[in-house]
């Protein structure tokens, strides 16, 4: 089956996932984590991408990002991958790729899914049992969104700003959102759309998105179409 081209739309929010090959560690120590964030910061400035949320886990990372142009996301991820792998291999005395393959991504409807996608990303260290308190994990943007530190990488999305009129109101409201359980069906929906590259949004959002891209946005029905019954003989 032919692989669909990546869905990348200028001005839309994308959830991005990149895993290490065979689930191996892509960050071995603090210096590796810091290097990735430094590279990411430089490329976001260079390619005019707004980073809304992130988490770096030992064997993968998530980004929530809005590119200014349709090619910006792939350009940034390709540059980031090459640059970091070259540095990592030289530092750790290894050769070959770090990545399992192409990065995975989905376009999301911000009004409906942005805040849930943010907390899905930023609570990853708790789901993986790395920490009990996600805000204590140093390699994510959660502490920024809770007002515990300022993260210069982050450009807050208007949907986050809509949570309140002051920073304190926004941070408190987002804290309450993060404290609520993430519905299992929503969790599965975010994961499925990200892995398969289907956009995550309402019918109205998909209709609006279809006017911006020629790529198919919904999966085709599985199986053969039903045969129409033959007309009976008179």
Protein backbone atom coordinates (compact mmCIF):
# COMPACT_ATOMS: atom_id res chain seq x y z
CA UNK A 1 0.00 0.00 0.00
CA UNK A 2 1.40 3.39 -0.97
CA UNK A 3 2.30 5.65 1.95
CA UNK A 4 0.36 8.89 2.15
CA UNK A 5 2.42 12.08 2.03
CA UNK A 6 2.87 13.80 5.36
CA UNK A 7 0.10 16.22 6.29
CA UNK A 8 1.72 19.57 7.09
CA UNK A 9 -0.32 22.77 7.00
CA UNK A 10 0.99 26.29 7.50
CA UNK A 11 -0.44 28.02 10.56
CA UNK A 12 -1.91 24.81 12.04
CA UNK A 13 -0.89 23.10 15.27
CA UNK A 14 0.95 19.78 14.84
CA UNK A 15 1.64 17.10 17.43
CA UNK A 16 5.00 15.51 16.62
CA UNK A 17 6.49 12.27 17.94
CA UNK A 18 10.01 10.95 17.27
CA UNK A 19 11.25 7.66 18.76
CA UNK A 20 14.67 6.12 19.09
CA UNK A 21 15.43 3.06 17.00
CA UNK A 22 14.39 -0.16 18.81
CA UNK A 23 13.28 2.09 21.71
CA UNK A 24 16.95 2.73 22.58
CA UNK A 25 18.02 5.76 24.57
CA UNK A 26 18.48 8.93 22.54
CA UNK A 27 19.33 10.96 25.65
CA UNK A 28 21.84 9.38 28.04
CA UNK A 29 22.54 12.26 30.38
CA UNK A 30 21.80 15.91 31.11
CA UNK A 31 24.18 17.17 28.44
CA UNK A 32 22.27 15.23 25.75
CA UNK A 33 18.93 16.69 26.87
CA UNK A 34 20.34 20.21 26.90
CA UNK A 35 21.89 19.81 23.48
CA UNK A 36 18.55 18.76 21.96
CA UNK A 37 16.78 21.77 23.50
CA UNK A 38 19.51 24.13 22.26
CA UNK A 39 19.28 22.72 18.72
CA UNK A 40 15.49 22.89 18.82
CA UNK A 41 15.52 26.51 19.99
CA UNK A 42 17.86 27.58 17.18
CA UNK A 43 15.90 25.78 14.47
CA UNK A 44 12.55 27.12 15.65
CA UNK A 45 13.94 30.65 15.35
CA UNK A 46 15.51 29.91 11.98
CA UNK A 47 12.44 28.25 10.44
CA UNK A 48 9.78 30.41 12.14
CA UNK A 49 8.10 27.67 14.16
CA UNK A 50 6.17 28.34 17.36
CA UNK A 51 6.73 25.67 20.01
CA UNK A 52 3.77 25.39 22.39
CA UNK A 53 4.71 22.34 24.48
CA UNK A 54 7.32 19.59 24.61
CA UNK A 55 8.67 16.67 26.58
CA UNK A 56 11.97 14.84 26.09
CA UNK A 57 11.90 11.27 27.37
CA UNK A 58 14.97 8.99 27.37
CA UNK A 59 13.91 7.12 24.22
CA UNK A 60 11.53 9.55 22.47
CA UNK A 61 10.22 13.10 22.43
CA UNK A 62 6.96 14.96 21.75
CA UNK A 63 6.48 18.48 20.38
CA UNK A 64 3.39 20.64 19.93
CA UNK A 65 4.33 23.08 17.23
CA UNK A 66 2.93 25.52 14.64
CA UNK A 67 4.94 26.09 11.43
CA UNK A 68 4.70 29.38 9.57
CA UNK A 69 4.93 27.57 6.21
CA UNK A 70 3.99 24.05 5.12
CA UNK A 71 7.59 22.92 4.55
CA UNK A 72 8.88 24.33 7.83
CA UNK A 73 8.02 21.34 10.01
CA UNK A 74 9.76 18.71 7.88
CA UNK A 75 12.71 21.03 7.27
CA UNK A 76 13.17 21.59 11.00
CA UNK A 77 12.77 17.93 11.96
CA UNK A 78 15.22 16.78 9.28
CA UNK A 79 17.79 19.37 10.35
CA UNK A 80 17.24 18.56 14.02
CA UNK A 81 17.63 14.84 13.41
CA UNK A 82 20.84 15.15 11.38
CA UNK A 83 22.41 17.73 13.67
CA UNK A 84 21.67 15.91 16.90
CA UNK A 85 22.66 12.45 15.59
CA UNK A 86 26.00 13.77 14.33
CA UNK A 87 26.73 15.35 17.72
CA UNK A 88 25.44 12.35 19.74
CA UNK A 89 27.45 9.83 17.72
CA UNK A 90 30.64 11.84 18.03
CA UNK A 91 30.16 12.30 21.77
CA UNK A 92 29.27 8.68 22.53
CA UNK A 93 31.55 6.96 20.00
CA UNK A 94 28.85 5.33 17.92
CA UNK A 95 27.70 5.29 14.29
CA UNK A 96 24.39 5.06 12.46
CA UNK A 97 20.97 6.53 12.96
CA UNK A 98 19.23 7.11 16.28
CA UNK A 99 15.69 7.20 14.92
CA UNK A 100 13.18 4.42 14.26
CA UNK A 101 12.21 6.10 10.96
CA UNK A 102 10.23 9.15 9.93
CA UNK A 103 8.84 11.27 12.70
CA UNK A 104 5.10 10.89 13.24
CA UNK A 105 2.71 13.81 13.34
CA UNK A 106 -0.91 14.92 13.27
CA UNK A 107 -2.63 18.25 12.71
CA UNK A 108 -4.95 19.09 15.61
CA UNK A 109 -7.94 21.37 16.05
CA UNK A 110 -6.80 23.75 18.80
CA UNK A 111 -10.22 24.78 20.09
CA UNK A 112 -11.12 21.18 20.81
CA UNK A 113 -7.85 19.34 21.41
CA UNK A 114 -4.91 21.66 22.11
CA UNK A 115 -5.12 21.71 25.91
CA UNK A 116 -5.70 17.95 26.09
CA UNK A 117 -2.77 17.36 23.75
CA UNK A 118 -0.61 19.65 25.89
CA UNK A 119 -1.34 17.71 29.05
CA UNK A 120 -0.95 14.39 27.21
CA UNK A 121 2.57 15.52 26.28
CA UNK A 122 3.54 17.14 29.57
CA UNK A 123 2.21 14.36 31.82
CA UNK A 124 4.16 11.69 29.93
CA UNK A 125 6.82 11.35 32.67
CA UNK A 126 4.12 10.41 35.21
CA UNK A 127 2.49 7.84 32.89
CA UNK A 128 5.95 6.33 32.34
CA UNK A 129 6.54 6.27 36.13
CA UNK A 130 9.65 8.44 35.91
CA UNK A 131 8.35 10.92 38.48
CA UNK A 132 5.34 11.24 40.78
CA UNK A 133 5.01 14.98 40.10
CA UNK A 134 5.18 15.88 36.41
CA UNK A 135 6.14 19.49 37.18
CA UNK A 136 9.39 18.24 38.76
CA UNK A 137 10.53 16.64 35.50
CA UNK A 138 13.12 19.07 34.07
CA UNK A 139 12.81 18.20 30.37
CA UNK A 140 9.27 19.34 29.66
CA UNK A 141 7.33 22.59 29.35
CA UNK A 142 4.89 21.83 32.19
CA UNK A 143 6.73 23.93 34.79
CA UNK A 144 6.44 26.89 32.41
CA UNK A 145 2.70 26.47 32.00
CA UNK A 146 2.22 26.17 35.77
CA UNK A 147 4.23 29.35 36.42
CA UNK A 148 7.13 27.58 38.15
CA UNK A 149 9.74 28.80 35.68
CA UNK A 150 9.96 30.77 32.45
CA UNK A 151 10.85 28.66 29.41
CA UNK A 152 12.22 30.77 26.53
CA UNK A 153 11.48 27.98 24.04
CA UNK A 154 7.73 28.28 24.54
CA UNK A 155 5.31 30.45 22.59
CA UNK A 156 1.99 30.13 24.38
CA UNK A 157 -0.90 29.37 22.04
CA UNK A 158 -3.99 31.66 22.07
CA UNK A 159 -5.99 28.71 23.40
CA UNK A 160 -3.79 28.68 26.49
CA UNK A 161 -4.18 32.45 26.84
CA UNK A 162 -7.95 32.00 26.78
CA UNK A 163 -7.77 30.25 30.16
CA UNK A 164 -7.60 33.55 32.04
CA UNK A 165 -6.90 37.27 31.98
CA UNK A 166 -3.71 37.07 34.05
CA UNK A 167 -0.77 34.64 34.13
CA UNK A 168 -1.92 33.40 37.55
CA UNK A 169 -5.45 32.66 36.26
CA UNK A 170 -4.10 30.80 33.23
CA UNK A 171 -1.61 28.78 35.26
CA UNK A 172 -4.20 27.86 37.90
CA UNK A 173 -6.75 26.85 35.26
CA UNK A 174 -4.23 24.70 33.42
CA UNK A 175 -3.20 23.10 36.71
CA UNK A 176 -6.80 22.05 37.28
CA UNK A 177 -6.95 20.62 33.74
CA UNK A 178 -3.79 18.59 34.36
CA UNK A 179 -5.14 17.31 37.69
CA UNK A 180 -8.17 15.76 35.98
CA UNK A 181 -7.79 12.23 34.56
CA UNK A 182 -7.18 12.01 30.82
CA UNK A 183 -10.01 9.97 29.33
CA UNK A 184 -8.78 6.62 27.99
CA UNK A 185 -10.66 7.00 24.70
CA UNK A 186 -9.17 10.47 24.17
CA UNK A 187 -5.71 9.13 24.96
CA UNK A 188 -6.19 6.40 22.35
CA UNK A 189 -7.49 8.93 19.83
CA UNK A 190 -4.45 11.19 20.21
CA UNK A 191 -2.07 8.25 19.90
CA UNK A 192 -3.85 6.71 16.92
CA UNK A 193 -4.03 9.95 14.93
CA UNK A 194 -0.39 10.76 15.65
CA UNK A 195 0.87 7.31 14.64
CA UNK A 196 -1.25 7.15 11.49
CA UNK A 197 -1.01 10.79 10.43
CA UNK A 198 -4.75 11.51 10.41
CA UNK A 199 -5.87 14.98 11.56
CA UNK A 200 -7.54 15.26 14.94
CA UNK A 201 -10.62 17.46 14.89
CA UNK A 202 -14.32 17.93 14.27
CA UNK A 203 -16.04 17.48 10.91
CA UNK A 204 -16.08 21.26 10.45
CA UNK A 205 -12.32 21.39 11.12
CA UNK A 206 -11.67 18.62 8.59
CA UNK A 207 -13.77 20.43 5.98
CA UNK A 208 -11.78 23.63 6.51
CA UNK A 209 -8.52 21.66 6.39
CA UNK A 210 -9.52 19.98 3.12
CA UNK A 211 -9.54 23.40 1.46
CA UNK A 212 -5.87 23.85 2.39
CA UNK A 213 -4.47 20.52 1.22
CA UNK A 214 -4.92 17.96 -1.55
CA UNK A 215 -4.04 15.03 0.73
CA UNK A 216 -6.79 12.64 1.81
CA UNK A 217 -7.83 13.41 5.40
CA UNK A 218 -9.91 10.36 6.36
CA UNK A 219 -9.15 6.69 5.91
CA UNK A 220 -10.90 4.76 3.18
CA UNK A 221 -13.52 2.17 4.17
CA UNK A 222 -12.01 -1.26 4.78
CA UNK A 223 -13.00 -4.10 2.46
CA UNK A 224 -14.71 -4.29 -0.89
CA UNK A 225 -17.79 -2.24 -1.62
CA UNK A 226 -21.03 -4.18 -1.38
CA UNK A 227 -22.41 -5.51 -4.60
CA UNK A 228 -25.73 -4.16 -5.70
CA UNK A 229 -28.33 -6.95 -5.99
CA UNK A 230 -29.16 -7.94 -9.54
CA UNK A 231 -32.67 -6.99 -10.68
CA UNK A 232 -35.12 -9.87 -10.64
CA UNK A 233 -36.38 -11.16 -13.95
CA UNK A 234 -39.91 -10.03 -14.76
